[in-house]
Amino acid sequence: MAVPKRKTSKARRDKRRAHDALSAPATSTCPQCGAPKPPHRVCGSCGTYKGRTILEIADD
């Protein structure tokens, strides 16, 4: 069974984990209502995309 000859240093261990960080999802503002929404998606609060109404949102 293969066993490491030397202890892996903290620097070498952490270099390997450098790409594991999560990034926050991108958001843009809706030009119609100003609510935050993902880019290139229909707005969840007003239902518009590129100035056109795609979804009818019920007002409760």
Protein backbone atom coordinates (compact mmCIF):
# COMPACT_ATOMS: atom_id res chain seq x y z
CA MET A 1 0.00 0.00 0.00
CA ALA A 2 1.38 3.40 -1.01
CA VAL A 3 2.03 5.81 1.85
CA PRO A 4 3.38 9.39 1.54
CA LYS A 5 7.02 9.69 2.61
CA ARG A 6 6.60 13.28 3.87
CA LYS A 7 3.77 15.29 5.39
CA THR A 8 1.99 17.55 2.90
CA SER A 9 2.65 21.14 3.94
CA LYS A 10 -0.19 23.58 4.55
CA ALA A 11 0.88 25.71 1.59
CA ARG A 12 0.84 22.77 -0.82
CA ARG A 13 -2.48 21.52 0.56
CA ASP A 14 -4.11 24.96 0.30
CA LYS A 15 -2.82 25.51 -3.26
CA ARG A 16 -4.76 22.45 -4.30
CA ARG A 17 -7.94 23.89 -2.76
CA ALA A 18 -7.57 27.34 -4.36
CA HIS A 19 -10.32 26.73 -6.94
CA ASP A 20 -12.96 25.39 -4.53
CA ALA A 21 -14.35 28.79 -3.47
CA LEU A 22 -17.94 29.58 -4.47
CA SER A 23 -18.77 32.82 -6.26
CA ALA A 24 -21.97 34.79 -5.78
CA PRO A 25 -24.50 34.46 -8.62
CA ALA A 26 -24.65 37.40 -11.01
CA THR A 27 -27.64 39.72 -10.72
CA SER A 28 -28.93 42.63 -12.75
CA THR A 29 -31.82 44.98 -12.20
CA CYS A 30 -35.09 44.74 -14.10
CA PRO A 31 -35.59 47.87 -16.24
CA GLN A 32 -39.37 47.73 -15.71
CA CYS A 33 -39.71 47.32 -11.94
CA GLY A 34 -36.13 47.65 -10.66
CA ALA A 35 -36.13 44.29 -8.86
CA PRO A 36 -32.92 42.20 -8.85
CA LYS A 37 -33.00 39.29 -11.31
CA PRO A 38 -30.54 36.92 -12.98
CA PRO A 39 -29.28 38.28 -16.32
CA HIS A 40 -30.96 36.96 -19.50
CA ARG A 41 -33.95 35.60 -17.52
CA VAL A 42 -37.58 36.63 -17.14
CA CYS A 43 -38.13 38.91 -14.15
CA GLY A 44 -39.82 36.99 -11.34
CA SER A 45 -41.60 40.00 -9.89
CA CYS A 46 -43.12 41.63 -12.99
CA GLY A 47 -42.81 38.86 -15.62
CA THR A 48 -41.15 40.92 -18.37
CA TYR A 49 -38.15 40.19 -20.58
CA LYS A 50 -36.68 42.70 -23.05
CA GLY A 51 -39.63 45.03 -22.60
CA ARG A 52 -42.26 42.37 -23.39
CA THR A 53 -44.63 40.72 -20.92
CA ILE A 54 -43.84 36.99 -20.88
CA LEU A 55 -45.58 35.87 -17.67
CA GLU A 56 -48.77 37.15 -16.15
CA ILE A 57 -48.05 37.69 -12.44
CA ALA A 58 -51.14 37.63 -10.21
CA ASP A 59 -51.38 40.45 -7.65
CA ASP A 60 -52.35 38.96 -4.29
